[in-house]
Amino acid sequence: MINSSEFSESDSSGENHSNKTIQILTEKIIKLENLLKIKEKELKESETKNEEWEKSWKTKESEFIQNLKKSNRKIDELQKELKRKQNSAGQTKMDDTLLQLKESLETEEDQHFQELQLAKIKIKNLENELTKKEMEISQLRETTNEKITNLEESLKGMEYHVCIHCGKNAGCFSSSFMPDL
C-alpha cells in the first residue's frame, strides 16, 4: 500500500500540473467557442446577403413583368397606329416601321430577360455558398463538441489516477497509472 505522506510534495506538484492542464484545456475550449461564434456570425452575414439578393431578384422580376406589360401595351398602341397610318400611307412603308418597332421591343425584352437570368444565377450561387457555410458550422460544432467531450473525459481521468512512478495526478508521461487507493 502507498503511504500518502511520502507523496505530499509530489501531490502539490501534480496538483499544480493538473491545474495548469485544466487551465490550458479551458483556454482551448474558449478559443473553439469563439471560433464557433465567428462562423455563426459569418453564416448570419451570408444569410443577410442572400436575402438582399433575393429581394433584388424579386424587384428585377417585378420590373421585368412591368416592362413586359408596357411593351405589350406599346405593341398594341403601335399596331392601332399602324392601322390608322395604313389607311393614309403606303403598305410597304408601314410594314417596315412596324417591323423596326417590333425588333426594338424584342431587343429590350431580351435584355430584361437576360438580366433576370443573371440575377437568378447569382441567387443560386449565394444559396450554394450559404449551404457550404452551414455545413462548415455544423462540422465545426460537431468537432467542438467532440473535443469538449474528450477534454472532459480527459479531465475526469486525471482526477482519479495517480502515477506509480512519480506520484503525480496524471502529470507524468509514464504509463504507470493506477487508481487512487
Protein backbone atom coordinates (compact mmCIF):
# COMPACT_ATOMS: atom_id res chain seq x y z
CA MET A 1 0.00 0.00 0.00
CA ILE A 2 1.19 3.53 -0.79
CA ASN A 3 1.82 5.89 2.10
CA SER A 4 0.24 9.28 1.31
CA SER A 5 2.82 11.20 3.41
CA GLU A 6 5.56 10.05 1.04
CA PHE A 7 3.90 11.90 -1.81
CA SER A 8 2.78 15.12 -0.13
CA GLU A 9 5.30 17.22 -2.04
CA SER A 10 4.63 15.37 -5.28
CA ASP A 11 0.88 15.74 -4.82
CA SER A 12 1.05 19.53 -4.73
CA SER A 13 3.34 19.47 -7.76
CA GLY A 14 0.95 17.10 -9.52
CA GLU A 15 -1.98 19.27 -8.47
CA ASN A 16 -0.26 22.35 -9.93
CA HIS A 17 0.38 20.42 -13.11
CA SER A 18 -3.28 19.33 -13.22
CA ASN A 19 -4.42 22.90 -12.64
CA LYS A 20 -2.21 24.11 -15.49
CA THR A 21 -3.56 21.35 -17.73
CA ILE A 22 -7.12 22.28 -16.81
CA GLN A 23 -6.34 25.95 -17.49
CA ILE A 24 -4.84 25.12 -20.92
CA LEU A 25 -7.79 22.90 -21.81
CA THR A 26 -10.23 25.58 -20.67
CA GLU A 27 -8.46 28.15 -22.85
CA LYS A 28 -8.68 25.79 -25.82
CA ILE A 29 -12.40 25.31 -25.21
CA ILE A 30 -12.89 29.09 -25.08
CA LYS A 31 -10.95 29.51 -28.34
CA LEU A 32 -13.12 26.85 -30.01
CA GLU A 33 -16.29 28.53 -28.74
CA ASN A 34 -15.05 31.91 -30.07
CA LEU A 35 -14.29 30.34 -33.45
CA LEU A 36 -17.80 28.86 -33.48
CA LYS A 37 -19.27 32.33 -32.74
CA ILE A 38 -17.27 33.82 -35.62
CA LYS A 39 -18.51 31.14 -38.01
CA GLU A 40 -22.10 31.69 -36.86
CA LYS A 41 -21.68 35.44 -37.47
CA GLU A 42 -20.36 34.71 -40.97
CA LEU A 43 -23.40 32.50 -41.59
CA LYS A 44 -25.76 35.27 -40.48
CA GLU A 45 -23.97 37.75 -42.76
CA SER A 46 -24.23 35.30 -45.64
CA GLU A 47 -27.93 34.80 -44.94
CA THR A 48 -28.45 38.58 -44.90
CA LYS A 49 -26.59 38.89 -48.18
CA ASN A 50 -28.72 36.12 -49.65
CA GLU A 51 -31.91 37.85 -48.51
CA GLU A 52 -30.74 41.10 -50.10
CA TRP A 53 -30.04 39.32 -53.40
CA GLU A 54 -33.43 37.62 -53.21
CA LYS A 55 -35.16 40.97 -52.68
CA SER A 56 -33.16 42.43 -55.55
CA TRP A 57 -34.08 39.48 -57.77
CA LYS A 58 -37.78 39.82 -56.88
CA THR A 59 -37.58 43.53 -57.65
CA LYS A 60 -35.95 42.84 -61.02
CA GLU A 61 -38.53 40.16 -61.76
CA SER A 62 -41.32 42.58 -60.92
CA GLU A 63 -39.69 45.26 -63.09
CA PHE A 64 -39.33 42.74 -65.91
CA ILE A 65 -43.03 41.85 -65.71
CA GLN A 66 -43.96 45.55 -65.64
CA ASN A 67 -41.69 46.25 -68.62
CA LEU A 68 -43.17 43.28 -70.46
CA LYS A 69 -46.70 44.62 -69.84
CA LYS A 70 -45.57 48.07 -71.01
CA SER A 71 -44.02 46.51 -74.10
CA ASN A 72 -47.24 44.66 -74.88
CA ARG A 73 -49.23 47.89 -74.48
CA LYS A 74 -46.77 49.68 -76.76
CA ILE A 75 -47.15 46.93 -79.34
CA ASP A 76 -50.94 47.21 -79.17
CA GLU A 77 -50.75 51.00 -79.49
CA LEU A 78 -48.31 50.76 -82.38
CA GLN A 79 -50.49 48.24 -84.16
CA LYS A 80 -53.50 50.54 -83.79
CA GLU A 81 -51.42 53.47 -85.01
CA LEU A 82 -50.16 51.37 -87.88
CA LYS A 83 -53.68 50.51 -88.95
CA ARG A 84 -54.57 54.20 -88.93
CA LYS A 85 -51.47 55.06 -90.95
CA GLN A 86 -52.06 52.22 -93.38
CA ASN A 87 -55.25 53.90 -94.37
CA SER A 88 -53.40 57.10 -95.21
CA ALA A 89 -49.99 55.84 -96.45
CA GLY A 90 -48.43 53.04 -98.45
CA GLN A 91 -48.49 49.49 -97.08
CA THR A 92 -44.75 48.79 -97.53
CA LYS A 93 -43.57 51.75 -95.51
CA MET A 94 -45.83 50.83 -92.58
CA ASP A 95 -44.68 47.23 -92.59
CA ASP A 96 -41.07 48.42 -92.30
CA THR A 97 -41.93 50.79 -89.44
CA LEU A 98 -43.84 48.10 -87.58
CA LEU A 99 -41.02 45.61 -88.09
CA GLN A 100 -38.46 48.08 -86.74
CA LEU A 101 -40.61 48.84 -83.70
CA LYS A 102 -41.22 45.16 -83.07
CA GLU A 103 -37.49 44.37 -83.28
CA SER A 104 -36.72 47.23 -80.91
CA LEU A 105 -39.23 45.95 -78.35
CA GLU A 106 -37.99 42.36 -78.69
CA THR A 107 -34.41 43.51 -78.10
CA GLU A 108 -35.49 45.39 -74.98
CA GLU A 109 -37.45 42.34 -73.79
CA ASP A 110 -34.44 40.05 -74.36
CA GLN A 111 -32.22 42.42 -72.40
CA HIS A 112 -34.60 42.35 -69.41
CA PHE A 113 -34.82 38.56 -69.62
CA GLN A 114 -31.01 38.24 -69.58
CA GLU A 115 -30.78 40.48 -66.52
CA LEU A 116 -33.36 38.31 -64.80
CA GLN A 117 -31.39 35.14 -65.64
CA LEU A 118 -28.17 36.67 -64.29
CA ALA A 119 -29.94 37.58 -61.05
CA LYS A 120 -31.23 34.00 -60.72
CA ILE A 121 -27.72 32.62 -61.23
CA LYS A 122 -26.31 34.97 -58.57
CA ILE A 123 -29.02 33.89 -56.12
CA LYS A 124 -28.27 30.21 -56.80
CA ASN A 125 -24.56 30.85 -56.18
CA LEU A 126 -25.35 32.61 -52.92
CA GLU A 127 -27.60 29.74 -51.85
CA ASN A 128 -24.77 27.28 -52.57
CA GLU A 129 -22.35 29.44 -50.58
CA LEU A 130 -24.83 29.62 -47.71
CA THR A 131 -25.23 25.84 -47.72
CA LYS A 132 -21.44 25.41 -47.60
CA LYS A 133 -21.19 27.83 -44.65
CA GLU A 134 -23.96 25.98 -42.82
CA MET A 135 -22.12 22.68 -43.38
CA GLU A 136 -18.86 24.21 -42.13
CA ILE A 137 -20.55 25.48 -38.98
CA SER A 138 -22.24 22.13 -38.43
CA GLN A 139 -18.92 20.32 -38.78
CA LEU A 140 -17.23 22.86 -36.51
CA ARG A 141 -19.96 22.34 -33.91
CA GLU A 142 -19.52 18.57 -34.10
CA THR A 143 -15.74 18.86 -33.83
CA THR A 144 -16.00 21.34 -30.95
CA ASN A 145 -18.48 19.16 -29.10
CA GLU A 146 -16.28 16.09 -29.62
CA LYS A 147 -13.21 17.98 -28.39
CA ILE A 148 -15.08 19.29 -25.37
CA THR A 149 -16.32 15.77 -24.57
CA ASN A 150 -12.82 14.36 -24.99
CA LEU A 151 -11.35 17.11 -22.81
CA GLU A 152 -13.97 16.50 -20.14
CA GLU A 153 -13.26 12.77 -20.23
CA SER A 154 -9.54 13.51 -20.05
CA LEU A 155 -10.07 15.78 -17.06
CA LYS A 156 -12.17 13.12 -15.31
CA GLY A 157 -9.38 10.62 -15.86
CA MET A 158 -6.87 12.98 -14.27
CA GLU A 159 -8.88 13.30 -11.10
CA TYR A 160 -8.93 9.58 -10.33
CA HIS A 161 -5.45 8.29 -11.23
CA VAL A 162 -2.03 8.61 -9.67
CA CYS A 163 1.23 7.70 -11.34
CA ILE A 164 3.02 4.84 -9.57
CA HIS A 165 6.33 6.10 -10.90
CA CYS A 166 6.29 9.68 -9.57
CA GLY A 167 3.04 10.08 -7.60
CA LYS A 168 1.64 12.92 -9.72
CA ASN A 169 -2.01 13.14 -10.73
CA ALA A 170 -1.75 12.33 -14.43
CA GLY A 171 1.23 14.63 -14.63
CA CYS A 172 3.76 12.01 -15.65
CA PHE A 173 4.02 10.63 -19.14
CA SER A 174 4.89 7.23 -17.77
CA SER A 175 2.30 4.54 -18.41
CA SER A 176 2.37 3.54 -14.72
CA PHE A 177 -1.02 4.80 -13.61
CA MET A 178 -3.21 3.13 -11.07
CA PRO A 179 -6.46 4.14 -9.35
CA ASP A 180 -6.22 6.15 -6.09
CA LEU A 181 -6.14 3.91 -3.05
